[in-house]
């Protein structure tokens, strides 16, 4: 990260005491160290998933590596990735769980970076795209 990208406005900086400047500089250094920590991202291996399954009393079909499917539209050159996002109870009926999906759709003919993301329900996936994920 370039330190020049997030400069403190000079008029504000000049109003600070030396102690405040030192404390702010220390806080900025600590934040940068935390955000740039190489250990922030770790691979989610089987040990990670088994710990979560035990902790939440869930099975391998509920917590584990995300499986996904890809689709290509027959009529228009759209490609879509569909990733299960989990189930959530309805706010007005807690006994009913609704399956959600992450969708990423790209226009294959556009020839440049493009894509659209949407979080949708299983019913929306079927009605909007005619895709039955769990068939």
N, C-alpha and C. Protein backbone atom coordinates (compact mmCIF):
# COMPACT_ATOMS: atom_id res chain seq x y z
N UNK A 1 0.84 -1.18 0.00
CA UNK A 1 0.00 0.00 0.00
C UNK A 1 0.88 1.23 0.00
N UNK A 2 0.60 2.14 -0.84
CA UNK A 2 1.36 3.38 -0.93
C UNK A 2 0.90 4.33 0.17
N UNK A 3 1.83 4.75 1.03
CA UNK A 3 1.47 5.64 2.13
C UNK A 3 0.95 6.99 1.66
N UNK A 4 1.25 7.37 0.41
CA UNK A 4 0.77 8.64 -0.11
C UNK A 4 -0.72 8.60 -0.48
N UNK A 5 -1.31 7.41 -0.55
CA UNK A 5 -2.70 7.28 -0.96
C UNK A 5 -3.67 7.81 0.08
N UNK A 6 -3.34 7.73 1.35
CA UNK A 6 -4.25 8.12 2.42
C UNK A 6 -3.65 9.24 3.27
N UNK A 7 -3.31 10.32 2.65
CA UNK A 7 -2.71 11.43 3.36
C UNK A 7 -3.73 12.15 4.23
N UNK A 8 -3.31 12.53 5.43
CA UNK A 8 -4.14 13.32 6.31
C UNK A 8 -4.08 14.76 5.81
N UNK A 9 -5.22 15.45 5.72
CA UNK A 9 -5.20 16.84 5.24
C UNK A 9 -4.25 17.69 6.08
N UNK A 10 -3.45 18.49 5.40
CA UNK A 10 -2.40 19.26 6.06
C UNK A 10 -2.95 20.21 7.12
N UNK A 11 -4.08 20.87 6.86
CA UNK A 11 -4.63 21.80 7.85
C UNK A 11 -5.05 21.07 9.14
N UNK A 12 -5.56 19.86 9.00
CA UNK A 12 -5.92 19.06 10.18
C UNK A 12 -4.65 18.61 10.90
N UNK A 13 -3.68 18.10 10.16
CA UNK A 13 -2.42 17.61 10.73
C UNK A 13 -1.71 18.70 11.51
N UNK A 14 -1.69 19.89 10.99
CA UNK A 14 -0.98 21.00 11.63
C UNK A 14 -1.63 21.43 12.95
N UNK A 15 -2.91 21.10 13.14
CA UNK A 15 -3.60 21.47 14.38
C UNK A 15 -3.36 20.46 15.50
N UNK A 16 -2.80 19.31 15.19
CA UNK A 16 -2.58 18.28 16.20
C UNK A 16 -1.33 18.56 17.03
N UNK A 17 -1.37 18.13 18.28
CA UNK A 17 -0.18 18.24 19.13
C UNK A 17 0.81 17.18 18.68
N UNK A 18 2.07 17.33 19.11
CA UNK A 18 3.09 16.34 18.77
C UNK A 18 2.71 14.96 19.30
N UNK A 19 2.13 14.92 20.50
CA UNK A 19 1.71 13.65 21.09
C UNK A 19 0.62 13.01 20.23
N UNK A 20 -0.37 13.81 19.80
CA UNK A 20 -1.45 13.28 18.95
C UNK A 20 -0.90 12.79 17.62
N UNK A 21 0.06 13.51 17.06
CA UNK A 21 0.67 13.09 15.80
C UNK A 21 1.38 11.74 15.96
N UNK A 22 2.10 11.58 17.05
CA UNK A 22 2.80 10.33 17.31
C UNK A 22 1.81 9.18 17.50
N UNK A 23 0.75 9.43 18.27
CA UNK A 23 -0.25 8.39 18.50
C UNK A 23 -0.96 8.01 17.19
N UNK A 24 -1.27 9.00 16.37
CA UNK A 24 -1.95 8.72 15.11
C UNK A 24 -1.03 7.94 14.17
N UNK A 25 0.24 8.33 14.12
CA UNK A 25 1.20 7.62 13.26
C UNK A 25 1.36 6.18 13.73
N UNK A 26 1.41 5.97 15.05
CA UNK A 26 1.52 4.62 15.59
C UNK A 26 0.28 3.81 15.24
N UNK A 27 -0.90 4.39 15.37
CA UNK A 27 -2.14 3.69 15.05
C UNK A 27 -2.20 3.33 13.56
N UNK A 28 -1.74 4.22 12.71
CA UNK A 28 -1.73 3.96 11.27
C UNK A 28 -0.77 2.82 10.94
N UNK A 29 0.41 2.82 11.59
CA UNK A 29 1.38 1.73 11.37
C UNK A 29 0.81 0.39 11.84
N UNK A 30 0.15 0.39 13.01
CA UNK A 30 -0.44 -0.84 13.53
C UNK A 30 -1.55 -1.34 12.60
N UNK A 31 -2.37 -0.44 12.10
CA UNK A 31 -3.45 -0.83 11.19
C UNK A 31 -2.88 -1.41 9.91
N UNK A 32 -1.83 -0.77 9.39
CA UNK A 32 -1.21 -1.28 8.16
C UNK A 32 -0.60 -2.65 8.38
N UNK A 33 0.08 -2.84 9.53
CA UNK A 33 0.65 -4.16 9.84
C UNK A 33 -0.45 -5.21 9.93
N UNK A 34 -1.58 -4.86 10.56
CA UNK A 34 -2.68 -5.80 10.72
C UNK A 34 -3.29 -6.14 9.36
N UNK A 35 -3.54 -5.14 8.55
CA UNK A 35 -4.19 -5.36 7.26
C UNK A 35 -3.28 -6.06 6.26
N UNK A 36 -1.98 -5.91 6.40
CA UNK A 36 -1.05 -6.51 5.46
C UNK A 36 -0.45 -7.81 5.99
N UNK A 37 -0.98 -8.30 7.12
CA UNK A 37 -0.47 -9.53 7.72
C UNK A 37 -0.65 -10.69 6.75
N UNK A 38 0.44 -11.37 6.42
CA UNK A 38 0.38 -12.49 5.49
C UNK A 38 -0.44 -13.64 6.04
N UNK A 39 -0.62 -13.72 7.34
CA UNK A 39 -1.38 -14.81 7.94
C UNK A 39 -2.88 -14.53 7.93
N UNK A 40 -3.30 -13.41 7.39
CA UNK A 40 -4.71 -13.08 7.37
C UNK A 40 -5.50 -14.08 6.54
N UNK A 41 -4.93 -14.58 5.46
CA UNK A 41 -5.61 -15.52 4.59
C UNK A 41 -4.98 -16.90 4.75
N UNK A 42 -5.79 -17.87 5.14
CA UNK A 42 -5.31 -19.24 5.26
C UNK A 42 -6.26 -20.14 4.48
N UNK A 43 -5.71 -21.22 3.97
CA UNK A 43 -6.53 -22.17 3.22
C UNK A 43 -7.48 -22.89 4.17
N UNK A 44 -8.70 -23.03 3.75
CA UNK A 44 -9.70 -23.71 4.57
C UNK A 44 -9.61 -25.21 4.27
N UNK A 45 -8.84 -25.93 5.09
CA UNK A 45 -8.63 -27.35 4.87
C UNK A 45 -9.65 -28.17 5.68
N UNK A 46 -9.53 -29.48 5.61
CA UNK A 46 -10.50 -30.36 6.28
C UNK A 46 -10.51 -30.13 7.79
N UNK A 47 -9.36 -29.82 8.39
CA UNK A 47 -9.30 -29.53 9.82
C UNK A 47 -10.17 -28.35 10.20
N UNK A 48 -10.17 -27.34 9.36
CA UNK A 48 -10.98 -26.16 9.60
C UNK A 48 -12.47 -26.52 9.56
N UNK A 49 -12.85 -27.28 8.53
CA UNK A 49 -14.26 -27.64 8.39
C UNK A 49 -14.73 -28.58 9.49
N UNK A 50 -13.91 -29.56 9.86
CA UNK A 50 -14.32 -30.51 10.89
C UNK A 50 -14.52 -29.80 12.23
N UNK A 51 -13.68 -28.82 12.51
CA UNK A 51 -13.83 -28.02 13.74
C UNK A 51 -15.19 -27.31 13.73
N UNK A 52 -15.55 -26.70 12.61
CA UNK A 52 -16.82 -25.99 12.54
C UNK A 52 -18.01 -26.95 12.63
N UNK A 53 -17.89 -28.12 11.98
CA UNK A 53 -18.98 -29.10 12.04
C UNK A 53 -19.24 -29.53 13.48
N UNK A 54 -18.15 -29.79 14.20
CA UNK A 54 -18.28 -30.19 15.60
C UNK A 54 -18.86 -29.06 16.44
N UNK A 55 -18.37 -27.87 16.24
CA UNK A 55 -18.80 -26.71 17.02
C UNK A 55 -20.28 -26.42 16.85
N UNK A 56 -20.78 -26.54 15.61
CA UNK A 56 -22.17 -26.19 15.34
C UNK A 56 -23.08 -27.40 15.18
N UNK A 57 -22.55 -28.61 15.36
CA UNK A 57 -23.37 -29.81 15.25
C UNK A 57 -23.95 -30.00 13.86
N UNK A 58 -23.16 -29.73 12.83
CA UNK A 58 -23.62 -29.84 11.44
C UNK A 58 -22.88 -30.97 10.73
N UNK A 59 -23.43 -31.39 9.60
CA UNK A 59 -22.82 -32.44 8.81
C UNK A 59 -21.97 -31.90 7.69
N UNK A 60 -21.31 -32.82 6.97
CA UNK A 60 -20.42 -32.44 5.86
C UNK A 60 -21.19 -31.80 4.72
N UNK A 61 -22.49 -32.11 4.61
CA UNK A 61 -23.29 -31.49 3.56
C UNK A 61 -23.72 -30.07 3.91
N UNK A 62 -23.53 -29.68 5.19
CA UNK A 62 -23.91 -28.35 5.63
C UNK A 62 -22.71 -27.41 5.79
N UNK A 63 -21.59 -27.96 6.22
CA UNK A 63 -20.37 -27.16 6.38
C UNK A 63 -19.23 -27.89 5.69
N UNK A 64 -18.63 -27.26 4.75
CA UNK A 64 -17.52 -27.87 4.04
C UNK A 64 -17.18 -27.06 2.81
N UNK A 65 -16.31 -27.59 1.98
CA UNK A 65 -15.94 -26.86 0.77
C UNK A 65 -17.18 -26.55 -0.07
N UNK A 66 -17.22 -25.37 -0.61
CA UNK A 66 -18.36 -24.96 -1.43
C UNK A 66 -18.28 -25.64 -2.79
N UNK A 67 -19.32 -26.39 -3.11
CA UNK A 67 -19.46 -26.92 -4.45
C UNK A 67 -20.26 -25.91 -5.25
N UNK A 68 -20.02 -25.87 -6.53
CA UNK A 68 -20.79 -24.94 -7.36
C UNK A 68 -20.99 -25.57 -8.72
N UNK A 69 -21.93 -25.00 -9.45
CA UNK A 69 -22.22 -25.47 -10.79
C UNK A 69 -22.12 -24.28 -11.73
N UNK A 70 -21.77 -24.56 -12.97
CA UNK A 70 -21.74 -23.52 -13.99
C UNK A 70 -22.73 -23.88 -15.09
N UNK A 71 -23.30 -22.84 -15.70
CA UNK A 71 -24.30 -23.02 -16.73
C UNK A 71 -24.00 -22.09 -17.89
N UNK A 72 -24.37 -22.52 -19.09
CA UNK A 72 -24.26 -21.70 -20.29
C UNK A 72 -25.65 -21.61 -20.89
N UNK A 73 -26.11 -20.39 -21.12
CA UNK A 73 -27.44 -20.18 -21.70
C UNK A 73 -27.45 -20.68 -23.14
N UNK A 74 -28.53 -21.35 -23.53
CA UNK A 74 -28.65 -21.86 -24.89
C UNK A 74 -28.95 -20.74 -25.88
N UNK A 75 -29.77 -19.78 -25.50
CA UNK A 75 -30.21 -18.74 -26.43
C UNK A 75 -29.28 -17.56 -26.56
N UNK A 76 -28.73 -17.11 -25.44
CA UNK A 76 -27.83 -15.95 -25.45
C UNK A 76 -26.51 -16.37 -24.82
N UNK A 77 -25.41 -15.78 -25.24
CA UNK A 77 -24.10 -16.25 -24.77
C UNK A 77 -23.76 -15.77 -23.35
N UNK A 78 -24.57 -16.21 -22.37
CA UNK A 78 -24.32 -15.89 -20.98
C UNK A 78 -23.83 -17.13 -20.27
N UNK A 79 -22.81 -16.95 -19.44
CA UNK A 79 -22.25 -17.99 -18.60
C UNK A 79 -22.57 -17.63 -17.16
N UNK A 80 -22.96 -18.61 -16.35
CA UNK A 80 -23.31 -18.33 -14.97
C UNK A 80 -22.69 -19.36 -14.03
N UNK A 81 -22.18 -18.85 -12.92
CA UNK A 81 -21.70 -19.69 -11.83
C UNK A 81 -22.73 -19.58 -10.71
N UNK A 82 -23.16 -20.70 -10.17
CA UNK A 82 -24.14 -20.73 -9.10
C UNK A 82 -23.52 -21.44 -7.90
N UNK A 83 -23.43 -20.72 -6.78
CA UNK A 83 -22.78 -21.23 -5.57
C UNK A 83 -23.80 -21.23 -4.43
N UNK A 84 -24.05 -22.38 -3.81
CA UNK A 84 -24.96 -22.40 -2.67
C UNK A 84 -24.46 -21.46 -1.57
N UNK A 85 -25.38 -20.67 -1.02
CA UNK A 85 -25.01 -19.69 0.01
C UNK A 85 -25.57 -20.06 1.38
N UNK A 86 -26.28 -21.18 1.46
CA UNK A 86 -26.82 -21.60 2.74
C UNK A 86 -28.32 -21.36 2.83
N UNK A 87 -28.87 -21.82 3.94
CA UNK A 87 -30.30 -21.67 4.17
C UNK A 87 -30.53 -20.68 5.28
N UNK A 88 -31.67 -19.99 5.19
CA UNK A 88 -32.01 -19.01 6.21
C UNK A 88 -33.51 -19.09 6.46
N UNK A 89 -33.89 -19.01 7.73
CA UNK A 89 -35.30 -19.05 8.09
C UNK A 89 -35.99 -17.76 7.65
N UNK A 90 -37.24 -17.89 7.28
CA UNK A 90 -38.04 -16.71 6.92
C UNK A 90 -38.31 -15.90 8.17
N UNK A 91 -38.30 -14.58 8.03
CA UNK A 91 -38.54 -13.73 9.20
C UNK A 91 -39.96 -13.88 9.73
N UNK A 92 -40.93 -14.09 8.85
CA UNK A 92 -42.32 -14.22 9.30
C UNK A 92 -42.71 -15.67 9.62
N UNK A 93 -41.84 -16.64 9.27
CA UNK A 93 -42.11 -18.04 9.57
C UNK A 93 -40.79 -18.76 9.85
N UNK A 94 -40.31 -18.73 11.08
CA UNK A 94 -39.00 -19.30 11.42
C UNK A 94 -38.89 -20.80 11.18
N UNK A 95 -40.01 -21.49 10.98
CA UNK A 95 -39.97 -22.92 10.73
C UNK A 95 -39.64 -23.26 9.28
N UNK A 96 -39.66 -22.25 8.39
CA UNK A 96 -39.40 -22.47 6.97
C UNK A 96 -38.02 -21.92 6.62
N UNK A 97 -37.15 -22.80 6.11
CA UNK A 97 -35.81 -22.40 5.67
C UNK A 97 -35.81 -22.24 4.16
N UNK A 98 -35.17 -21.18 3.68
CA UNK A 98 -35.09 -20.90 2.26
C UNK A 98 -33.63 -21.00 1.82
N UNK A 99 -33.38 -21.79 0.77
CA UNK A 99 -32.03 -21.94 0.21
C UNK A 99 -31.70 -20.69 -0.61
N UNK A 100 -30.49 -20.16 -0.41
CA UNK A 100 -30.00 -19.01 -1.16
C UNK A 100 -28.80 -19.41 -2.01
N UNK A 101 -28.56 -18.66 -3.08
CA UNK A 101 -27.44 -18.91 -3.98
C UNK A 101 -26.76 -17.61 -4.36
N UNK A 102 -25.44 -17.66 -4.47
CA UNK A 102 -24.68 -16.58 -5.09
C UNK A 102 -24.68 -16.87 -6.58
N UNK A 103 -24.93 -15.87 -7.40
CA UNK A 103 -24.84 -16.06 -8.85
C UNK A 103 -23.88 -15.02 -9.43
N UNK A 104 -23.05 -15.47 -10.34
CA UNK A 104 -22.17 -14.58 -11.09
C UNK A 104 -22.43 -14.87 -12.56
N UNK A 105 -22.83 -13.86 -13.30
CA UNK A 105 -23.21 -14.04 -14.69
C UNK A 105 -22.32 -13.15 -15.57
N UNK A 106 -21.81 -13.73 -16.67
CA UNK A 106 -20.96 -12.99 -17.60
C UNK A 106 -21.50 -13.11 -19.01
N UNK A 107 -21.35 -12.03 -19.76
CA UNK A 107 -21.68 -12.02 -21.19
C UNK A 107 -20.45 -12.51 -21.93
N UNK A 108 -20.54 -13.68 -22.57
CA UNK A 108 -19.39 -14.30 -23.21
C UNK A 108 -18.99 -13.62 -24.51
N UNK A 109 -19.87 -12.84 -25.12
CA UNK A 109 -19.55 -12.17 -26.38
C UNK A 109 -18.99 -10.76 -26.18
N UNK A 110 -19.09 -10.23 -24.99
CA UNK A 110 -18.68 -8.85 -24.76
C UNK A 110 -17.19 -8.64 -25.02
N UNK A 111 -16.37 -9.63 -24.69
CA UNK A 111 -14.96 -9.55 -25.00
C UNK A 111 -14.14 -8.71 -24.06
N UNK A 112 -14.70 -8.28 -22.97
CA UNK A 112 -13.95 -7.52 -21.97
C UNK A 112 -14.46 -7.91 -20.59
N UNK A 113 -13.80 -7.45 -19.56
CA UNK A 113 -14.21 -7.79 -18.20
C UNK A 113 -15.65 -7.34 -17.96
N UNK A 114 -16.46 -8.25 -17.49
CA UNK A 114 -17.83 -7.91 -17.16
C UNK A 114 -18.35 -8.96 -16.20
N UNK A 115 -19.47 -8.72 -15.66
CA UNK A 115 -20.09 -9.69 -14.78
C UNK A 115 -21.07 -9.02 -13.86
N UNK A 116 -22.02 -9.80 -13.39
CA UNK A 116 -23.02 -9.29 -12.45
C UNK A 116 -23.18 -10.32 -11.35
N UNK A 117 -23.23 -9.84 -10.12
CA UNK A 117 -23.40 -10.70 -8.96
C UNK A 117 -24.79 -10.48 -8.39
N UNK A 118 -25.38 -11.56 -7.87
CA UNK A 118 -26.67 -11.44 -7.21
C UNK A 118 -26.80 -12.56 -6.19
N UNK A 119 -27.40 -12.26 -5.06
CA UNK A 119 -27.75 -13.27 -4.06
C UNK A 119 -29.25 -13.49 -4.20
N UNK A 120 -29.64 -14.73 -4.55
CA UNK A 120 -31.05 -15.01 -4.83
C UNK A 120 -31.49 -16.29 -4.12
N UNK A 121 -32.79 -16.46 -4.02
CA UNK A 121 -33.34 -17.66 -3.41
C UNK A 121 -33.45 -18.76 -4.47
N UNK A 122 -33.68 -19.97 -3.99
CA UNK A 122 -33.86 -21.11 -4.90
C UNK A 122 -35.04 -20.87 -5.83
N UNK A 123 -36.13 -20.29 -5.31
CA UNK A 123 -37.30 -20.00 -6.13
C UNK A 123 -36.98 -18.97 -7.20
N UNK A 124 -36.20 -17.94 -6.84
CA UNK A 124 -35.81 -16.92 -7.82
C UNK A 124 -34.89 -17.51 -8.89
N UNK A 125 -34.00 -18.42 -8.49
CA UNK A 125 -33.10 -19.06 -9.45
C UNK A 125 -33.92 -19.82 -10.50
N UNK A 126 -34.94 -20.49 -10.03
CA UNK A 126 -35.78 -21.26 -10.96
C UNK A 126 -36.67 -20.35 -11.81
N UNK A 127 -37.29 -19.35 -11.19
CA UNK A 127 -38.22 -18.52 -11.96
C UNK A 127 -37.50 -17.54 -12.89
N UNK A 128 -36.37 -17.02 -12.47
CA UNK A 128 -35.64 -16.02 -13.27
C UNK A 128 -34.78 -16.65 -14.36
N UNK A 129 -34.15 -17.81 -14.04
CA UNK A 129 -33.18 -18.41 -14.96
C UNK A 129 -33.56 -19.82 -15.42
N UNK A 130 -34.67 -20.36 -14.90
CA UNK A 130 -35.12 -21.70 -15.23
C UNK A 130 -34.04 -22.75 -14.87
N UNK A 131 -33.38 -22.52 -13.73
CA UNK A 131 -32.35 -23.44 -13.25
C UNK A 131 -32.84 -24.10 -11.96
N UNK A 132 -32.85 -25.43 -11.96
CA UNK A 132 -33.16 -26.20 -10.77
C UNK A 132 -31.83 -26.77 -10.29
N UNK A 133 -31.24 -26.12 -9.31
CA UNK A 133 -29.90 -26.49 -8.84
C UNK A 133 -29.88 -27.88 -8.21
N UNK A 134 -30.86 -28.17 -7.37
CA UNK A 134 -30.88 -29.42 -6.60
C UNK A 134 -31.76 -30.47 -7.26
N UNK A 135 -31.53 -30.77 -8.53
CA UNK A 135 -32.36 -31.80 -9.16
C UNK A 135 -31.56 -33.06 -9.42
